[in-house]
N, C-alpha and C. Protein backbone atom coordinates (compact mmCIF):
# COMPACT_ATOMS: atom_id res chain seq x y z
N MET A 1 0.79 5.45 -5.30
CA MET A 1 1.73 5.54 -4.21
C MET A 1 0.97 5.88 -2.94
N LYS A 2 1.40 5.30 -1.84
CA LYS A 2 0.77 5.52 -0.54
C LYS A 2 1.71 6.28 0.40
N LYS A 3 1.14 6.85 1.43
CA LYS A 3 1.93 7.48 2.49
C LYS A 3 2.49 6.39 3.41
N VAL A 4 3.61 6.70 4.03
CA VAL A 4 4.23 5.83 5.01
C VAL A 4 4.23 6.56 6.35
N LYS A 5 3.77 5.87 7.38
CA LYS A 5 3.76 6.43 8.73
C LYS A 5 5.12 6.19 9.37
N ILE A 6 5.72 7.26 9.89
CA ILE A 6 7.01 7.17 10.57
C ILE A 6 6.77 7.54 12.03
N THR A 7 7.02 6.60 12.92
CA THR A 7 6.86 6.83 14.35
C THR A 7 8.23 6.78 15.02
N ILE A 8 8.55 7.80 15.80
CA ILE A 8 9.82 7.81 16.54
C ILE A 8 9.63 6.93 17.77
N LEU A 9 10.34 5.79 17.77
CA LEU A 9 10.21 4.84 18.87
C LEU A 9 11.14 5.15 20.04
N LYS A 10 12.39 5.46 19.73
CA LYS A 10 13.38 5.70 20.79
C LYS A 10 14.40 6.74 20.35
N THR A 11 14.82 7.54 21.30
CA THR A 11 15.99 8.39 21.12
C THR A 11 17.00 7.91 22.16
N ILE A 12 18.18 7.56 21.69
CA ILE A 12 19.16 6.89 22.54
C ILE A 12 20.44 7.71 22.62
N LEU A 13 21.07 7.71 23.77
CA LEU A 13 22.41 8.25 23.92
C LEU A 13 23.33 7.09 24.25
N GLN A 14 24.29 6.82 23.40
CA GLN A 14 25.29 5.78 23.65
C GLN A 14 26.31 6.39 24.61
N GLU A 15 26.04 6.25 25.91
CA GLU A 15 26.79 6.99 26.92
C GLU A 15 28.28 6.72 26.88
N ASP A 16 28.69 5.48 26.70
CA ASP A 16 30.12 5.17 26.68
C ASP A 16 30.81 5.84 25.49
N LEU A 17 30.17 5.80 24.33
CA LEU A 17 30.75 6.43 23.15
C LEU A 17 30.70 7.95 23.25
N ALA A 18 29.60 8.47 23.78
CA ALA A 18 29.46 9.92 23.95
C ALA A 18 30.52 10.45 24.91
N LYS A 19 30.79 9.70 25.95
CA LYS A 19 31.80 10.12 26.93
C LYS A 19 33.18 10.17 26.28
N GLU A 20 33.47 9.19 25.43
CA GLU A 20 34.79 9.13 24.81
C GLU A 20 34.93 10.09 23.63
N TYR A 21 33.87 10.25 22.82
CA TYR A 21 34.00 10.99 21.57
C TYR A 21 33.14 12.25 21.47
N GLY A 22 32.12 12.36 22.28
CA GLY A 22 31.19 13.47 22.16
C GLY A 22 31.64 14.72 22.88
N VAL A 23 31.00 15.83 22.50
CA VAL A 23 31.28 17.09 23.18
C VAL A 23 30.66 17.06 24.58
N GLU A 24 31.15 17.91 25.43
CA GLU A 24 30.63 18.02 26.79
C GLU A 24 29.15 18.35 26.76
N GLY A 25 28.34 17.63 27.52
CA GLY A 25 26.92 17.91 27.63
C GLY A 25 26.06 17.30 26.53
N LEU A 26 26.65 16.47 25.68
CA LEU A 26 25.87 15.84 24.62
C LEU A 26 24.71 15.03 25.21
N SER A 27 23.55 15.16 24.60
CA SER A 27 22.37 14.41 25.06
C SER A 27 21.71 13.75 23.87
N THR A 28 20.54 13.17 24.07
CA THR A 28 19.81 12.55 22.97
C THR A 28 19.51 13.59 21.89
N CYS A 29 19.11 13.12 20.74
CA CYS A 29 18.83 13.98 19.59
C CYS A 29 17.89 15.14 19.99
N PRO A 30 18.29 16.37 19.67
CA PRO A 30 17.42 17.51 19.99
C PRO A 30 16.35 17.77 18.93
N LEU A 31 16.40 17.04 17.81
CA LEU A 31 15.49 17.32 16.70
C LEU A 31 14.24 16.45 16.69
N MET A 32 14.31 15.28 17.31
CA MET A 32 13.17 14.36 17.30
C MET A 32 12.90 13.85 18.71
N SER A 33 11.63 13.57 18.97
CA SER A 33 11.22 13.10 20.29
C SER A 33 10.43 11.81 20.16
N GLU A 34 10.58 10.95 21.15
CA GLU A 34 9.82 9.69 21.17
C GLU A 34 8.33 9.97 21.08
N GLY A 35 7.65 9.19 20.24
CA GLY A 35 6.21 9.34 20.08
C GLY A 35 5.79 10.23 18.92
N GLU A 36 6.70 11.03 18.39
CA GLU A 36 6.35 11.86 17.24
C GLU A 36 5.97 10.98 16.05
N VAL A 37 5.05 11.48 15.23
CA VAL A 37 4.60 10.75 14.05
C VAL A 37 4.67 11.69 12.85
N TYR A 38 5.19 11.16 11.76
CA TYR A 38 5.29 11.86 10.50
C TYR A 38 4.68 10.98 9.41
N TYR A 39 4.30 11.58 8.30
CA TYR A 39 3.84 10.83 7.13
C TYR A 39 4.66 11.28 5.94
N ALA A 40 5.12 10.31 5.15
CA ALA A 40 5.97 10.63 4.01
C ALA A 40 5.62 9.75 2.83
N ASP A 41 6.09 10.16 1.64
CA ASP A 41 6.00 9.34 0.43
C ASP A 41 7.34 9.47 -0.28
N TYR A 42 7.43 10.33 -1.28
CA TYR A 42 8.69 10.52 -1.99
C TYR A 42 9.50 11.69 -1.40
N ALA A 43 8.89 12.49 -0.55
CA ALA A 43 9.54 13.69 -0.03
C ALA A 43 9.65 13.65 1.48
N LYS A 44 10.68 14.29 2.00
CA LYS A 44 10.91 14.39 3.44
C LYS A 44 9.78 15.18 4.08
N PRO A 45 9.22 14.68 5.16
CA PRO A 45 8.16 15.42 5.85
C PRO A 45 8.69 16.72 6.47
N ASP A 46 7.85 17.72 6.54
CA ASP A 46 8.21 18.97 7.19
C ASP A 46 8.64 18.70 8.62
N GLY A 47 9.74 19.31 9.03
CA GLY A 47 10.21 19.19 10.40
C GLY A 47 11.03 17.94 10.68
N PHE A 48 11.20 17.09 9.67
CA PHE A 48 11.95 15.84 9.86
C PHE A 48 13.43 16.12 9.64
N CYS A 49 14.28 15.51 10.41
CA CYS A 49 15.72 15.70 10.34
C CYS A 49 16.27 15.30 8.96
N ASP A 50 17.04 16.17 8.35
CA ASP A 50 17.63 15.91 7.03
C ASP A 50 18.51 14.66 7.04
N GLU A 51 19.35 14.52 8.04
CA GLU A 51 20.27 13.38 8.10
C GLU A 51 19.51 12.07 8.34
N ALA A 52 18.49 12.09 9.16
CA ALA A 52 17.68 10.89 9.37
C ALA A 52 16.98 10.49 8.08
N TRP A 53 16.49 11.49 7.33
CA TRP A 53 15.82 11.20 6.07
C TRP A 53 16.77 10.50 5.11
N LYS A 54 18.01 10.96 5.03
CA LYS A 54 18.99 10.32 4.15
C LYS A 54 19.18 8.85 4.51
N ALA A 55 19.07 8.53 5.78
CA ALA A 55 19.28 7.16 6.24
C ALA A 55 18.09 6.25 5.96
N ILE A 56 16.87 6.80 5.86
CA ILE A 56 15.69 5.94 5.78
C ILE A 56 14.89 6.06 4.50
N TYR A 57 15.20 7.05 3.65
CA TYR A 57 14.31 7.31 2.51
C TYR A 57 14.11 6.10 1.61
N GLN A 58 15.13 5.25 1.44
CA GLN A 58 14.96 4.10 0.55
C GLN A 58 13.91 3.12 1.10
N TYR A 59 13.79 3.00 2.40
CA TYR A 59 12.76 2.15 2.99
C TYR A 59 11.38 2.79 2.83
N VAL A 60 11.31 4.11 3.04
CA VAL A 60 10.05 4.82 2.85
C VAL A 60 9.59 4.68 1.40
N PHE A 61 10.50 4.89 0.46
CA PHE A 61 10.17 4.79 -0.95
C PHE A 61 9.63 3.40 -1.29
N ALA A 62 10.30 2.36 -0.79
CA ALA A 62 9.86 0.98 -1.07
C ALA A 62 8.47 0.72 -0.50
N LEU A 63 8.24 1.12 0.74
CA LEU A 63 6.92 0.91 1.36
C LEU A 63 5.85 1.74 0.66
N ALA A 64 6.18 2.96 0.26
CA ALA A 64 5.21 3.82 -0.43
C ALA A 64 4.79 3.22 -1.77
N HIS A 65 5.66 2.42 -2.35
CA HIS A 65 5.37 1.80 -3.64
C HIS A 65 4.91 0.35 -3.51
N GLY A 66 4.49 -0.04 -2.32
CA GLY A 66 3.83 -1.33 -2.16
C GLY A 66 4.67 -2.49 -1.70
N ALA A 67 5.92 -2.27 -1.34
CA ALA A 67 6.73 -3.39 -0.83
C ALA A 67 6.09 -3.91 0.45
N GLN A 68 5.61 -5.12 0.43
CA GLN A 68 4.95 -5.71 1.59
C GLN A 68 5.68 -6.96 2.10
N GLU A 69 6.54 -7.49 1.29
CA GLU A 69 7.25 -8.70 1.69
C GLU A 69 8.20 -8.39 2.84
N ILE A 70 8.55 -9.43 3.55
CA ILE A 70 9.47 -9.25 4.66
C ILE A 70 10.84 -8.89 4.10
N TRP A 71 11.48 -7.94 4.71
CA TRP A 71 12.77 -7.42 4.25
C TRP A 71 13.88 -8.45 4.39
N TYR A 72 14.87 -8.35 3.55
CA TYR A 72 16.11 -9.10 3.64
C TYR A 72 15.95 -10.59 3.86
N TYR A 73 15.25 -11.21 2.94
CA TYR A 73 15.14 -12.67 2.91
C TYR A 73 14.58 -13.25 4.20
N HIS A 74 13.64 -12.58 4.78
CA HIS A 74 12.88 -13.11 5.92
C HIS A 74 13.70 -13.26 7.21
N ASP A 75 14.77 -12.50 7.36
CA ASP A 75 15.55 -12.63 8.60
C ASP A 75 15.65 -11.32 9.38
N TRP A 76 14.71 -10.41 9.12
CA TRP A 76 14.79 -9.12 9.81
C TRP A 76 13.47 -8.79 10.50
N ILE A 77 12.44 -8.44 9.76
CA ILE A 77 11.16 -8.00 10.31
C ILE A 77 10.10 -9.05 10.03
N LYS A 78 9.31 -9.39 11.03
CA LYS A 78 8.30 -10.44 10.83
C LYS A 78 6.97 -9.92 10.31
N THR A 79 6.75 -8.60 10.34
CA THR A 79 5.47 -8.04 9.94
C THR A 79 5.58 -7.40 8.56
N PRO A 80 4.82 -7.88 7.58
CA PRO A 80 4.86 -7.25 6.26
C PRO A 80 4.46 -5.78 6.33
N GLY A 81 5.11 -4.95 5.50
CA GLY A 81 4.77 -3.53 5.45
C GLY A 81 5.35 -2.72 6.58
N VAL A 82 6.29 -3.29 7.34
CA VAL A 82 6.90 -2.59 8.47
C VAL A 82 8.42 -2.68 8.35
N ALA A 83 9.10 -1.61 8.74
CA ALA A 83 10.55 -1.62 8.86
C ALA A 83 10.93 -0.86 10.13
N ILE A 84 11.90 -1.37 10.85
CA ILE A 84 12.44 -0.67 12.01
C ILE A 84 13.83 -0.21 11.59
N VAL A 85 14.04 1.11 11.62
CA VAL A 85 15.25 1.71 11.09
C VAL A 85 15.79 2.75 12.06
N SER A 86 16.99 3.24 11.76
CA SER A 86 17.57 4.28 12.61
C SER A 86 18.31 5.30 11.76
N CYS A 87 18.58 6.44 12.36
CA CYS A 87 19.39 7.44 11.69
C CYS A 87 20.86 7.01 11.79
N ASN A 88 21.74 7.81 11.20
CA ASN A 88 23.15 7.46 11.15
C ASN A 88 23.98 8.01 12.31
N ASP A 89 23.38 8.65 13.26
CA ASP A 89 24.14 9.23 14.37
C ASP A 89 24.57 8.12 15.32
N GLY A 90 25.84 7.81 15.34
CA GLY A 90 26.35 6.72 16.17
C GLY A 90 26.39 7.02 17.65
N LEU A 91 26.36 8.28 18.03
CA LEU A 91 26.38 8.63 19.44
C LEU A 91 24.98 8.77 20.02
N ARG A 92 24.05 9.23 19.21
CA ARG A 92 22.67 9.46 19.70
C ARG A 92 21.65 9.08 18.63
N PRO A 93 21.58 7.78 18.32
CA PRO A 93 20.67 7.33 17.26
C PRO A 93 19.20 7.49 17.64
N VAL A 94 18.40 7.66 16.59
CA VAL A 94 16.95 7.71 16.73
C VAL A 94 16.41 6.47 16.02
N ILE A 95 15.59 5.69 16.73
CA ILE A 95 15.01 4.46 16.19
C ILE A 95 13.58 4.76 15.75
N MET A 96 13.26 4.35 14.51
CA MET A 96 11.96 4.67 13.92
C MET A 96 11.25 3.43 13.41
N LYS A 97 9.93 3.46 13.47
CA LYS A 97 9.10 2.42 12.88
C LYS A 97 8.44 3.01 11.65
N LEU A 98 8.63 2.35 10.51
CA LEU A 98 7.99 2.75 9.27
C LEU A 98 6.87 1.77 8.98
N GLU A 99 5.70 2.28 8.63
CA GLU A 99 4.54 1.42 8.35
C GLU A 99 3.87 1.87 7.06
N ALA A 100 3.63 0.92 6.18
CA ALA A 100 2.83 1.21 4.99
C ALA A 100 1.41 1.55 5.44
N THR A 101 0.77 2.50 4.73
CA THR A 101 -0.61 2.86 5.03
C THR A 101 -1.44 2.76 3.75
N ASP A 102 -2.72 2.99 3.89
CA ASP A 102 -3.62 3.05 2.74
C ASP A 102 -3.92 4.49 2.33
N ILE A 103 -3.19 5.44 2.91
CA ILE A 103 -3.40 6.85 2.61
C ILE A 103 -2.73 7.19 1.28
N GLU A 104 -3.52 7.68 0.34
CA GLU A 104 -2.98 8.03 -0.97
C GLU A 104 -2.05 9.24 -0.88
N ALA A 105 -0.92 9.15 -1.55
CA ALA A 105 0.02 10.26 -1.63
C ALA A 105 -0.41 11.20 -2.76
N LYS A 106 -0.01 12.45 -2.65
CA LYS A 106 -0.29 13.40 -3.74
C LYS A 106 0.60 13.06 -4.90
N GLU A 107 0.07 13.25 -6.10
CA GLU A 107 0.89 13.06 -7.30
C GLU A 107 1.90 14.20 -7.38
N MET A 108 3.11 13.90 -7.82
CA MET A 108 4.15 14.91 -7.92
C MET A 108 3.73 16.07 -8.81
N SER A 109 2.97 15.82 -9.86
CA SER A 109 2.56 16.88 -10.77
C SER A 109 1.58 17.86 -10.13
N ASN A 110 0.94 17.46 -9.03
CA ASN A 110 -0.03 18.32 -8.35
C ASN A 110 0.60 19.16 -7.25
N ILE A 111 1.86 18.96 -7.01
CA ILE A 111 2.51 19.66 -5.90
C ILE A 111 3.12 20.96 -6.41
N THR A 112 2.87 22.04 -5.68
CA THR A 112 3.41 23.34 -6.08
C THR A 112 4.50 23.78 -5.14
């Protein structure tokens, strides 16, 4: 199993939706910032948003286990080993780039 690089590409505020449904003063995600980089395999990286992890872990798992083919029948991402994903926050989504790496992950039995 390999590590997957997670890069925060964008933090977005859907202003029209936030105005209609959000609390006063809502802004972009306070937990993640553009340009941050994390590395993951089977486990959520330290400091990574729990809800974002729930939204992307299946892609991380697939890439960590060698999925290199283009996702979803060749109509989504043109670069093998890459996925562009987002968290589930409809008012202030975070857009992330996942990339397969050659960095070996620790075996689960070695983790304490």
